[in-house]
């Protein structure tokens, strides 16, 4: 596990690119990750 500081947008786009999948409770990631073909597991009830 790498706990790192919040990423600026270019680095976050890079994380999306290298990730196999995303775990998130964010709204935006639910939109961004699929644009790069990455499955998203949403850690929210709704």
ModelCIF file with pLDDT and N, C-alpha, C, O atoms, coordinates in Angstrom:
data_MODEL
#
_entry.id   MODEL 
#
_entity.id                         1 
_entity.type                       polymer 
_entity.pdbx_number_of_molecules   1 
#
_entity_poly.entity_id                      1 
_entity_poly.type                           'polypeptide(L)' 
_entity_poly.nstd_linkage                   no 
_entity_poly.nstd_monomer                   no 
_entity_poly.pdbx_seq_one_letter_code       
;(UNK)(UNK)(UNK)(UNK)(UNK)(UNK)(UNK)(UNK)(UNK)(UNK)(UNK)(UNK)(UNK)(UNK)(UNK)(UNK)
(UNK)(UNK)(UNK)(UNK)(UNK)(UNK)(UNK)(UNK)(UNK)(UNK)(UNK)(UNK)(UNK)(UNK)(UNK)(UNK)
(UNK)(UNK)(UNK)(UNK)(UNK)(UNK)(UNK)(UNK)(UNK)(UNK)(UNK)(UNK)(UNK)(UNK)
;
_entity_poly.pdbx_seq_one_letter_code_can   XXXXXXXXXXXXXXXXXXXXXXXXXXXXXXXXXXXXXXXXXXXXXX 
_entity_poly.pdbx_strand_id                 A 
#
loop_
_entity_poly_seq.entity_id 
_entity_poly_seq.num 
_entity_poly_seq.mon_id 
_entity_poly_seq.hetero 
1 1  UNK n 
1 2  UNK n 
1 3  UNK n 
1 4  UNK n 
1 5  UNK n 
1 6  UNK n 
1 7  UNK n 
1 8  UNK n 
1 9  UNK n 
1 10 UNK n 
1 11 UNK n 
1 12 UNK n 
1 13 UNK n 
1 14 UNK n 
1 15 UNK n 
1 16 UNK n 
1 17 UNK n 
1 18 UNK n 
1 19 UNK n 
1 20 UNK n 
1 21 UNK n 
1 22 UNK n 
1 23 UNK n 
1 24 UNK n 
1 25 UNK n 
1 26 UNK n 
1 27 UNK n 
1 28 UNK n 
1 29 UNK n 
1 30 UNK n 
1 31 UNK n 
1 32 UNK n 
1 33 UNK n 
1 34 UNK n 
1 35 UNK n 
1 36 UNK n 
1 37 UNK n 
1 38 UNK n 
1 39 UNK n 
1 40 UNK n 
1 41 UNK n 
1 42 UNK n 
1 43 UNK n 
1 44 UNK n 
1 45 UNK n 
1 46 UNK n 
#
_struct_asym.id          A 
_struct_asym.entity_id   1 
#
loop_
_ma_qa_metric.id 
_ma_qa_metric.mode 
_ma_qa_metric.name 
_ma_qa_metric.software_group_id 
_ma_qa_metric.type 
1 global pLDDT . pLDDT 
2 local  pLDDT . pLDDT 
#
_ma_qa_metric_global.metric_id      1 
_ma_qa_metric_global.metric_value   93.39 
_ma_qa_metric_global.model_id       1 
_ma_qa_metric_global.ordinal_id     1 
#
loop_
_ma_qa_metric_local.label_asym_id 
_ma_qa_metric_local.label_comp_id 
_ma_qa_metric_local.label_seq_id 
_ma_qa_metric_local.metric_id 
_ma_qa_metric_local.metric_value 
_ma_qa_metric_local.model_id 
_ma_qa_metric_local.ordinal_id 
A UNK 1  2 98.00 1 1  
A UNK 2  2 98.00 1 2  
A UNK 3  2 98.00 1 3  
A UNK 4  2 97.00 1 4  
A UNK 5  2 94.00 1 5  
A UNK 6  2 90.00 1 6  
A UNK 7  2 91.00 1 7  
A UNK 8  2 89.00 1 8  
A UNK 9  2 91.00 1 9  
A UNK 10 2 94.00 1 10 
A UNK 11 2 94.00 1 11 
A UNK 12 2 93.00 1 12 
A UNK 13 2 93.00 1 13 
A UNK 14 2 94.00 1 14 
A UNK 15 2 96.00 1 15 
A UNK 16 2 95.00 1 16 
A UNK 17 2 92.00 1 17 
A UNK 18 2 95.00 1 18 
A UNK 19 2 97.00 1 19 
A UNK 20 2 98.00 1 20 
A UNK 21 2 98.00 1 21 
A UNK 22 2 98.00 1 22 
A UNK 23 2 98.00 1 23 
A UNK 24 2 97.00 1 24 
A UNK 25 2 93.00 1 25 
A UNK 26 2 88.00 1 26 
A UNK 27 2 83.00 1 27 
A UNK 28 2 83.00 1 28 
A UNK 29 2 92.00 1 29 
A UNK 30 2 93.00 1 30 
A UNK 31 2 90.00 1 31 
A UNK 32 2 91.00 1 32 
A UNK 33 2 93.00 1 33 
A UNK 34 2 92.00 1 34 
A UNK 35 2 90.00 1 35 
A UNK 36 2 90.00 1 36 
A UNK 37 2 92.00 1 37 
A UNK 38 2 96.00 1 38 
A UNK 39 2 97.00 1 39 
A UNK 40 2 97.00 1 40 
A UNK 41 2 98.00 1 41 
A UNK 42 2 97.00 1 42 
A UNK 43 2 96.00 1 43 
A UNK 44 2 93.00 1 44 
A UNK 45 2 87.00 1 45 
A UNK 46 2 87.00 1 46 
#
loop_
_atom_site.group_PDB 
_atom_site.id 
_atom_site.type_symbol 
_atom_site.label_atom_id 
_atom_site.label_alt_id 
_atom_site.label_comp_id 
_atom_site.label_asym_id 
_atom_site.label_entity_id 
_atom_site.label_seq_id 
_atom_site.pdbx_PDB_ins_code 
_atom_site.Cartn_x 
_atom_site.Cartn_y 
_atom_site.Cartn_z 
_atom_site.occupancy 
_atom_site.B_iso_or_equiv 
_atom_site.pdbx_formal_charge 
_atom_site.auth_seq_id 
_atom_site.auth_comp_id 
_atom_site.auth_asym_id 
_atom_site.auth_atom_id 
_atom_site.pdbx_PDB_model_num 
ATOM 1   N N  . UNK A 1 1  ? 0.841   -1.195 0.000   1.00 98.00 ? 1  UNK A N  1 
ATOM 2   C CA . UNK A 1 1  ? 0.000   0.000  0.000   1.00 98.00 ? 1  UNK A CA 1 
ATOM 3   C C  . UNK A 1 1  ? 0.875   1.243  0.000   1.00 98.00 ? 1  UNK A C  1 
ATOM 4   O O  . UNK A 1 1  ? 1.751   1.398  0.852   1.00 98.00 ? 1  UNK A O  1 
ATOM 5   N N  . UNK A 1 2  ? 0.636   2.119  -0.952  1.00 98.00 ? 2  UNK A N  1 
ATOM 6   C CA . UNK A 1 2  ? 1.333   3.401  -0.993  1.00 98.00 ? 2  UNK A CA 1 
ATOM 7   C C  . UNK A 1 2  ? 0.336   4.499  -0.645  1.00 98.00 ? 2  UNK A C  1 
ATOM 8   O O  . UNK A 1 2  ? -0.529  4.839  -1.452  1.00 98.00 ? 2  UNK A O  1 
ATOM 9   N N  . UNK A 1 3  ? 0.459   5.049  0.557   1.00 98.00 ? 3  UNK A N  1 
ATOM 10  C CA . UNK A 1 3  ? -0.342  6.208  0.952   1.00 98.00 ? 3  UNK A CA 1 
ATOM 11  C C  . UNK A 1 3  ? 0.424   7.448  0.524   1.00 98.00 ? 3  UNK A C  1 
ATOM 12  O O  . UNK A 1 3  ? 1.489   7.744  1.066   1.00 98.00 ? 3  UNK A O  1 
ATOM 13  N N  . UNK A 1 4  ? -0.112  8.165  -0.438  1.00 97.00 ? 4  UNK A N  1 
ATOM 14  C CA . UNK A 1 4  ? 0.613   9.309  -0.997  1.00 97.00 ? 4  UNK A CA 1 
ATOM 15  C C  . UNK A 1 4  ? -0.224  10.573 -0.871  1.00 97.00 ? 4  UNK A C  1 
ATOM 16  O O  . UNK A 1 4  ? -1.417  10.516 -0.574  1.00 97.00 ? 4  UNK A O  1 
ATOM 17  N N  . UNK A 1 5  ? 0.409   11.700 -1.096  1.00 94.00 ? 5  UNK A N  1 
ATOM 18  C CA . UNK A 1 5  ? -0.296  12.976 -1.045  1.00 94.00 ? 5  UNK A CA 1 
ATOM 19  C C  . UNK A 1 5  ? -1.282  13.075 -2.215  1.00 94.00 ? 5  UNK A C  1 
ATOM 20  O O  . UNK A 1 5  ? -1.108  12.399 -3.229  1.00 94.00 ? 5  UNK A O  1 
ATOM 21  N N  . UNK A 1 6  ? -2.315  13.913 -2.076  1.00 90.00 ? 6  UNK A N  1 
ATOM 22  C CA . UNK A 1 6  ? -3.249  14.091 -3.198  1.00 90.00 ? 6  UNK A CA 1 
ATOM 23  C C  . UNK A 1 6  ? -2.501  14.437 -4.482  1.00 90.00 ? 6  UNK A C  1 
ATOM 24  O O  . UNK A 1 6  ? -1.522  15.184 -4.460  1.00 90.00 ? 6  UNK A O  1 
ATOM 25  N N  . UNK A 1 7  ? -2.966  13.894 -5.582  1.00 91.00 ? 7  UNK A N  1 
ATOM 26  C CA . UNK A 1 7  ? -2.292  14.061 -6.864  1.00 91.00 ? 7  UNK A CA 1 
ATOM 27  C C  . UNK A 1 7  ? -2.849  15.241 -7.627  1.00 91.00 ? 7  UNK A C  1 
ATOM 28  O O  . UNK A 1 7  ? -4.047  15.522 -7.571  1.00 91.00 ? 7  UNK A O  1 
ATOM 29  N N  . UNK A 1 8  ? -1.976  15.932 -8.341  1.00 89.00 ? 8  UNK A N  1 
ATOM 30  C CA . UNK A 1 8  ? -2.493  16.916 -9.274  1.00 89.00 ? 8  UNK A CA 1 
ATOM 31  C C  . UNK A 1 8  ? -3.151  16.174 -10.439 1.00 89.00 ? 8  UNK A C  1 
ATOM 32  O O  . UNK A 1 8  ? -3.073  14.949 -10.521 1.00 89.00 ? 8  UNK A O  1 
ATOM 33  N N  . UNK A 1 9  ? -3.787  16.908 -11.322 1.00 91.00 ? 9  UNK A N  1 
ATOM 34  C CA . UNK A 1 9  ? -4.615  16.247 -12.328 1.00 91.00 ? 9  UNK A CA 1 
ATOM 35  C C  . UNK A 1 9  ? -3.811  15.390 -13.307 1.00 91.00 ? 9  UNK A C  1 
ATOM 36  O O  . UNK A 1 9  ? -4.247  14.286 -13.632 1.00 91.00 ? 9  UNK A O  1 
ATOM 37  N N  . UNK A 1 10 ? -2.651  15.855 -13.792 1.00 94.00 ? 10 UNK A N  1 
ATOM 38  C CA . UNK A 1 10 ? -1.876  14.983 -14.689 1.00 94.00 ? 10 UNK A CA 1 
ATOM 39  C C  . UNK A 1 10 ? -1.486  13.663 -14.024 1.00 94.00 ? 10 UNK A C  1 
ATOM 40  O O  . UNK A 1 10 ? -1.550  12.606 -14.653 1.00 94.00 ? 10 UNK A O  1 
ATOM 41  N N  . UNK A 1 11 ? -1.086  13.722 -12.765 1.00 94.00 ? 11 UNK A N  1 
ATOM 42  C CA . UNK A 1 11 ? -0.705  12.485 -12.081 1.00 94.00 ? 11 UNK A CA 1 
ATOM 43  C C  . UNK A 1 11 ? -1.926  11.607 -11.803 1.00 94.00 ? 11 UNK A C  1 
ATOM 44  O O  . UNK A 1 11 ? -1.821  10.381 -11.823 1.00 94.00 ? 11 UNK A O  1 
ATOM 45  N N  . UNK A 1 12 ? -3.074  12.219 -11.546 1.00 93.00 ? 12 UNK A N  1 
ATOM 46  C CA . UNK A 1 12 ? -4.269  11.406 -11.344 1.00 93.00 ? 12 UNK A CA 1 
ATOM 47  C C  . UNK A 1 12 ? -4.665  10.711 -12.641 1.00 93.00 ? 12 UNK A C  1 
ATOM 48  O O  . UNK A 1 12 ? -5.074  9.550  -12.629 1.00 93.00 ? 12 UNK A O  1 
ATOM 49  N N  . UNK A 1 13 ? -4.544  11.419 -13.754 1.00 93.00 ? 13 UNK A N  1 
ATOM 50  C CA . UNK A 1 13 ? -4.813  10.785 -15.048 1.00 93.00 ? 13 UNK A CA 1 
ATOM 51  C C  . UNK A 1 13 ? -3.846  9.622  -15.275 1.00 93.00 ? 13 UNK A C  1 
ATOM 52  O O  . UNK A 1 13 ? -4.227  8.594  -15.834 1.00 93.00 ? 13 UNK A O  1 
ATOM 53  N N  . UNK A 1 14 ? -2.601  9.786  -14.841 1.00 94.00 ? 14 UNK A N  1 
ATOM 54  C CA . UNK A 1 14 ? -1.620  8.698  -14.960 1.00 94.00 ? 14 UNK A CA 1 
ATOM 55  C C  . UNK A 1 14 ? -2.009  7.514  -14.077 1.00 94.00 ? 14 UNK A C  1 
ATOM 56  O O  . UNK A 1 14 ? -1.865  6.362  -14.487 1.00 94.00 ? 14 UNK A O  1 
ATOM 57  N N  . UNK A 1 15 ? -2.503  7.789  -12.861 1.00 96.00 ? 15 UNK A N  1 
ATOM 58  C CA . UNK A 1 15 ? -2.950  6.706  -11.990 1.00 96.00 ? 15 UNK A CA 1 
ATOM 59  C C  . UNK A 1 15 ? -4.096  5.928  -12.632 1.00 96.00 ? 15 UNK A C  1 
ATOM 60  O O  . UNK A 1 15 ? -4.110  4.697  -12.601 1.00 96.00 ? 15 UNK A O  1 
ATOM 61  N N  . UNK A 1 16 ? -5.051  6.645  -13.211 1.00 95.00 ? 16 UNK A N  1 
ATOM 62  C CA . UNK A 1 16 ? -6.137  5.967  -13.915 1.00 95.00 ? 16 UNK A CA 1 
ATOM 63  C C  . UNK A 1 16 ? -5.589  5.074  -15.028 1.00 95.00 ? 16 UNK A C  1 
ATOM 64  O O  . UNK A 1 16 ? -6.094  3.977  -15.265 1.00 95.00 ? 16 UNK A O  1 
ATOM 65  N N  . UNK A 1 17 ? -4.561  5.556  -15.700 1.00 92.00 ? 17 UNK A N  1 
ATOM 66  C CA . UNK A 1 17 ? -3.997  4.830  -16.840 1.00 92.00 ? 17 UNK A CA 1 
ATOM 67  C C  . UNK A 1 17 ? -3.322  3.526  -16.410 1.00 92.00 ? 17 UNK A C  1 
ATOM 68  O O  . UNK A 1 17 ? -3.442  2.504  -17.085 1.00 92.00 ? 17 UNK A O  1 
ATOM 69  N N  . UNK A 1 18 ? -2.609  3.573  -15.278 1.00 95.00 ? 18 UNK A N  1 
ATOM 70  C CA . UNK A 1 18 ? -1.846  2.390  -14.866 1.00 95.00 ? 18 UNK A CA 1 
ATOM 71  C C  . UNK A 1 18 ? -2.653  1.454  -13.968 1.00 95.00 ? 18 UNK A C  1 
ATOM 72  O O  . UNK A 1 18 ? -2.226  0.328  -13.711 1.00 95.00 ? 18 UNK A O  1 
ATOM 73  N N  . UNK A 1 19 ? -3.815  1.904  -13.489 1.00 97.00 ? 19 UNK A N  1 
ATOM 74  C CA . UNK A 1 19 ? -4.609  1.089  -12.575 1.00 97.00 ? 19 UNK A CA 1 
ATOM 75  C C  . UNK A 1 19 ? -5.303  -0.056 -13.313 1.00 97.00 ? 19 UNK A C  1 
ATOM 76  O O  . UNK A 1 19 ? -5.720  0.089  -14.462 1.00 97.00 ? 19 UNK A O  1 
ATOM 77  N N  . UNK A 1 20 ? -5.417  -1.184 -12.637 1.00 98.00 ? 20 UNK A N  1 
ATOM 78  C CA . UNK A 1 20 ? -6.189  -2.314 -13.150 1.00 98.00 ? 20 UNK A CA 1 
ATOM 79  C C  . UNK A 1 20 ? -7.676  -2.081 -12.894 1.00 98.00 ? 20 UNK A C  1 
ATOM 80  O O  . UNK A 1 20 ? -8.525  -2.422 -13.717 1.00 98.00 ? 20 UNK A O  1 
ATOM 81  N N  . UNK A 1 21 ? -7.966  -1.500 -11.751 1.00 98.00 ? 21 UNK A N  1 
ATOM 82  C CA . UNK A 1 21 ? -9.333  -1.116 -11.407 1.00 98.00 ? 21 UNK A CA 1 
ATOM 83  C C  . UNK A 1 21 ? -9.268  -0.007 -10.371 1.00 98.00 ? 21 UNK A C  1 
ATOM 84  O O  . UNK A 1 21 ? -8.213  0.265  -9.798  1.00 98.00 ? 21 UNK A O  1 
ATOM 85  N N  . UNK A 1 22 ? -10.428 0.639  -10.135 1.00 98.00 ? 22 UNK A N  1 
ATOM 86  C CA . UNK A 1 22 ? -10.497 1.745  -9.176  1.00 98.00 ? 22 UNK A CA 1 
ATOM 87  C C  . UNK A 1 22 ? -11.497 1.426  -8.073  1.00 98.00 ? 22 UNK A C  1 
ATOM 88  O O  . UNK A 1 22 ? -12.605 0.956  -8.332  1.00 98.00 ? 22 UNK A O  1 
ATOM 89  N N  . UNK A 1 23 ? -11.081 1.692  -6.837  1.00 98.00 ? 23 UNK A N  1 
ATOM 90  C CA . UNK A 1 23 ? -11.974 1.688  -5.683  1.00 98.00 ? 23 UNK A CA 1 
ATOM 91  C C  . UNK A 1 23 ? -12.191 3.139  -5.279  1.00 98.00 ? 23 UNK A C  1 
ATOM 92  O O  . UNK A 1 23 ? -11.222 3.873  -5.082  1.00 98.00 ? 23 UNK A O  1 
ATOM 93  N N  . UNK A 1 24 ? -13.445 3.566  -5.152  1.00 97.00 ? 24 UNK A N  1 
ATOM 94  C CA . UNK A 1 24 ? -13.657 4.990  -4.918  1.00 97.00 ? 24 UNK A CA 1 
ATOM 95  C C  . UNK A 1 24 ? -15.006 5.252  -4.284  1.00 97.00 ? 24 UNK A C  1 
ATOM 96  O O  . UNK A 1 24 ? -15.929 4.449  -4.422  1.00 97.00 ? 24 UNK A O  1 
ATOM 97  N N  . UNK A 1 25 ? -15.126 6.379  -3.585  1.00 93.00 ? 25 UNK A N  1 
ATOM 98  C CA . UNK A 1 25 ? -16.440 6.906  -3.226  1.00 93.00 ? 25 UNK A CA 1 
ATOM 99  C C  . UNK A 1 25 ? -16.661 8.254  -3.907  1.00 93.00 ? 25 UNK A C  1 
ATOM 100 O O  . UNK A 1 25 ? -17.596 8.984  -3.577  1.00 93.00 ? 25 UNK A O  1 
ATOM 101 N N  . UNK A 1 26 ? -15.797 8.571  -4.852  1.00 88.00 ? 26 UNK A N  1 
ATOM 102 C CA . UNK A 1 26 ? -15.886 9.829  -5.600  1.00 88.00 ? 26 UNK A CA 1 
ATOM 103 C C  . UNK A 1 26 ? -16.894 9.729  -6.735  1.00 88.00 ? 26 UNK A C  1 
ATOM 104 O O  . UNK A 1 26 ? -17.124 8.655  -7.290  1.00 88.00 ? 26 UNK A O  1 
ATOM 105 N N  . UNK A 1 27 ? -17.490 10.867 -7.069  1.00 83.00 ? 27 UNK A N  1 
ATOM 106 C CA . UNK A 1 27 ? -18.376 10.905 -8.222  1.00 83.00 ? 27 UNK A CA 1 
ATOM 107 C C  . UNK A 1 27 ? -17.608 10.939 -9.528  1.00 83.00 ? 27 UNK A C  1 
ATOM 108 O O  . UNK A 1 27 ? -17.913 10.185 -10.452 1.00 83.00 ? 27 UNK A O  1 
ATOM 109 N N  . UNK A 1 28 ? -16.607 11.814 -9.610  1.00 83.00 ? 28 UNK A N  1 
ATOM 110 C CA . UNK A 1 28 ? -15.886 12.011 -10.852 1.00 83.00 ? 28 UNK A CA 1 
ATOM 111 C C  . UNK A 1 28 ? -15.197 10.760 -11.357 1.00 83.00 ? 28 UNK A C  1 
ATOM 112 O O  . UNK A 1 28 ? -15.173 10.510 -12.562 1.00 83.00 ? 28 UNK A O  1 
ATOM 113 N N  . UNK A 1 29 ? -14.637 9.972  -10.456 1.00 92.00 ? 29 UNK A N  1 
ATOM 114 C CA . UNK A 1 29 ? -13.920 8.763  -10.873 1.00 92.00 ? 29 UNK A CA 1 
ATOM 115 C C  . UNK A 1 29 ? -14.865 7.788  -11.568 1.00 92.00 ? 29 UNK A C  1 
ATOM 116 O O  . UNK A 1 29 ? -14.448 7.040  -12.452 1.00 92.00 ? 29 UNK A O  1 
ATOM 117 N N  . UNK A 1 30 ? -16.139 7.795  -11.170 1.00 93.00 ? 30 UNK A N  1 
ATOM 118 C CA . UNK A 1 30 ? -17.121 6.921  -11.812 1.00 93.00 ? 30 UNK A CA 1 
ATOM 119 C C  . UNK A 1 30 ? -17.288 7.278  -13.294 1.00 93.00 ? 30 UNK A C  1 
ATOM 120 O O  . UNK A 1 30 ? -17.698 6.441  -14.098 1.00 93.00 ? 30 UNK A O  1 
ATOM 121 N N  . UNK A 1 31 ? -16.968 8.516  -13.641 1.00 90.00 ? 31 UNK A N  1 
ATOM 122 C CA . UNK A 1 31 ? -17.071 8.976  -15.027 1.00 90.00 ? 31 UNK A CA 1 
ATOM 123 C C  . UNK A 1 31 ? -15.744 8.830  -15.765 1.00 90.00 ? 31 UNK A C  1 
ATOM 124 O O  . UNK A 1 31 ? -15.709 8.447  -16.934 1.00 90.00 ? 31 UNK A O  1 
ATOM 125 N N  . UNK A 1 32 ? -14.639 9.145  -15.057 1.00 91.00 ? 32 UNK A N  1 
ATOM 126 C CA . UNK A 1 32 ? -13.332 9.195  -15.703 1.00 91.00 ? 32 UNK A CA 1 
ATOM 127 C C  . UNK A 1 32 ? -12.766 7.814  -16.011 1.00 91.00 ? 32 UNK A C  1 
ATOM 128 O O  . UNK A 1 32 ? -12.302 7.560  -17.123 1.00 91.00 ? 32 UNK A O  1 
ATOM 129 N N  . UNK A 1 33 ? -12.807 6.924  -15.021 1.00 93.00 ? 33 UNK A N  1 
ATOM 130 C CA . UNK A 1 33 ? -12.184 5.616  -15.198 1.00 93.00 ? 33 UNK A CA 1 
ATOM 131 C C  . UNK A 1 33 ? -12.763 4.841  -16.388 1.00 93.00 ? 33 UNK A C  1 
ATOM 132 O O  . UNK A 1 33 ? -11.997 4.245  -17.144 1.00 93.00 ? 33 UNK A O  1 
ATOM 133 N N  . UNK A 1 34 ? -14.094 4.830  -16.581 1.00 92.00 ? 34 UNK A N  1 
ATOM 134 C CA . UNK A 1 34 ? -14.617 4.101  -17.742 1.00 92.00 ? 34 UNK A CA 1 
ATOM 135 C C  . UNK A 1 34 ? -14.135 4.653  -19.075 1.00 92.00 ? 34 UNK A C  1 
ATOM 136 O O  . UNK A 1 34 ? -14.074 3.922  -20.064 1.00 92.00 ? 34 UNK A O  1 
ATOM 137 N N  . UNK A 1 35 ? -13.788 5.953  -19.109 1.00 90.00 ? 35 UNK A N  1 
ATOM 138 C CA . UNK A 1 35 ? -13.273 6.518  -20.354 1.00 90.00 ? 35 UNK A CA 1 
ATOM 139 C C  . UNK A 1 35 ? -11.951 5.875  -20.747 1.00 90.00 ? 35 UNK A C  1 
ATOM 140 O O  . UNK A 1 35 ? -11.555 5.912  -21.912 1.00 90.00 ? 35 UNK A O  1 
ATOM 141 N N  . UNK A 1 36 ? -11.264 5.279  -19.756 1.00 90.00 ? 36 UNK A N  1 
ATOM 142 C CA . UNK A 1 36 ? -10.002 4.575  -20.013 1.00 90.00 ? 36 UNK A CA 1 
ATOM 143 C C  . UNK A 1 36 ? -10.158 3.067  -19.881 1.00 90.00 ? 36 UNK A C  1 
ATOM 144 O O  . UNK A 1 36 ? -9.168  2.337  -19.841 1.00 90.00 ? 36 UNK A O  1 
ATOM 145 N N  . UNK A 1 37 ? -11.413 2.597  -19.812 1.00 92.00 ? 37 UNK A N  1 
ATOM 146 C CA . UNK A 1 37 ? -11.664 1.166  -19.760 1.00 92.00 ? 37 UNK A CA 1 
ATOM 147 C C  . UNK A 1 37 ? -11.340 0.515  -18.433 1.00 92.00 ? 37 UNK A C  1 
ATOM 148 O O  . UNK A 1 37 ? -10.994 -0.665 -18.393 1.00 92.00 ? 37 UNK A O  1 
ATOM 149 N N  . UNK A 1 38 ? -11.447 1.267  -17.338 1.00 96.00 ? 38 UNK A N  1 
ATOM 150 C CA . UNK A 1 38 ? -11.114 0.725  -16.022 1.00 96.00 ? 38 UNK A CA 1 
ATOM 151 C C  . UNK A 1 38 ? -12.382 0.533  -15.181 1.00 96.00 ? 38 UNK A C  1 
ATOM 152 O O  . UNK A 1 38 ? -13.121 1.491  -14.957 1.00 96.00 ? 38 UNK A O  1 
ATOM 153 N N  . UNK A 1 39 ? -12.641 -0.700 -14.713 1.00 97.00 ? 39 UNK A N  1 
ATOM 154 C CA . UNK A 1 39 ? -13.804 -0.936 -13.856 1.00 97.00 ? 39 UNK A CA 1 
ATOM 155 C C  . UNK A 1 39 ? -13.735 -0.113 -12.569 1.00 97.00 ? 39 UNK A C  1 
ATOM 156 O O  . UNK A 1 39 ? -12.654 0.185  -12.060 1.00 97.00 ? 39 UNK A O  1 
ATOM 157 N N  . UNK A 1 40 ? -14.909 0.244  -12.057 1.00 97.00 ? 40 UNK A N  1 
ATOM 158 C CA . UNK A 1 40 ? -14.995 1.056  -10.842 1.00 97.00 ? 40 UNK A CA 1 
ATOM 159 C C  . UNK A 1 40 ? -15.898 0.352  -9.832  1.00 97.00 ? 40 UNK A C  1 
ATOM 160 O O  . UNK A 1 40 ? -17.036 0.001  -10.142 1.00 97.00 ? 40 UNK A O  1 
ATOM 161 N N  . UNK A 1 41 ? -15.380 0.151  -8.623  1.00 98.00 ? 41 UNK A N  1 
ATOM 162 C CA . UNK A 1 41 ? -16.197 -0.311 -7.508  1.00 98.00 ? 41 UNK A CA 1 
ATOM 163 C C  . UNK A 1 41 ? -16.465 0.893  -6.614  1.00 98.00 ? 41 UNK A C  1 
ATOM 164 O O  . UNK A 1 41 ? -15.543 1.511  -6.083  1.00 98.00 ? 41 UNK A O  1 
ATOM 165 N N  . UNK A 1 42 ? -17.742 1.210  -6.460  1.00 97.00 ? 42 UNK A N  1 
ATOM 166 C CA . UNK A 1 42 ? -18.157 2.448  -5.791  1.00 97.00 ? 42 UNK A CA 1 
ATOM 167 C C  . UNK A 1 42 ? -18.507 2.147  -4.335  1.00 97.00 ? 42 UNK A C  1 
ATOM 168 O O  . UNK A 1 42 ? -19.472 1.437  -4.051  1.00 97.00 ? 42 UNK A O  1 
ATOM 169 N N  . UNK A 1 43 ? -17.724 2.687  -3.433  1.00 96.00 ? 43 UNK A N  1 
ATOM 170 C CA . UNK A 1 43 ? -17.883 2.412  -2.005  1.00 96.00 ? 43 UNK A CA 1 
ATOM 171 C C  . UNK A 1 43 ? -18.877 3.391  -1.379  1.00 96.00 ? 43 UNK A C  1 
ATOM 172 O O  . UNK A 1 43 ? -18.546 4.190  -0.503  1.00 96.00 ? 43 UNK A O  1 
ATOM 173 N N  . UNK A 1 44 ? -20.102 3.286  -1.870  1.00 93.00 ? 44 UNK A N  1 
ATOM 174 C CA . UNK A 1 44 ? -21.204 4.116  -1.376  1.00 93.00 ? 44 UNK A CA 1 
ATOM 175 C C  . UNK A 1 44 ? -22.476 3.276  -1.429  1.00 93.00 ? 44 UNK A C  1 
ATOM 176 O O  . UNK A 1 44 ? -22.551 2.270  -2.135  1.00 93.00 ? 44 UNK A O  1 
ATOM 177 N N  . UNK A 1 45 ? -23.465 3.713  -0.667  1.00 87.00 ? 45 UNK A N  1 
ATOM 178 C CA . UNK A 1 45 ? -24.744 3.001  -0.645  1.00 87.00 ? 45 UNK A CA 1 
ATOM 179 C C  . UNK A 1 45 ? -25.621 3.386  -1.834  1.00 87.00 ? 45 UNK A C  1 
ATOM 180 O O  . UNK A 1 45 ? -26.444 2.594  -2.292  1.00 87.00 ? 45 UNK A O  1 
ATOM 181 N N  . UNK A 1 46 ? -25.437 4.608  -2.327  1.00 87.00 ? 46 UNK A N  1 
ATOM 182 C CA . UNK A 1 46 ? -26.218 5.103  -3.459  1.00 87.00 ? 46 UNK A CA 1 
ATOM 183 C C  . UNK A 1 46 ? -25.281 5.838  -4.403  1.00 87.00 ? 46 UNK A C  1 
ATOM 184 O O  . UNK A 1 46 ? -25.719 6.346  -5.436  1.00 87.00 ? 46 UNK A O  1 
#
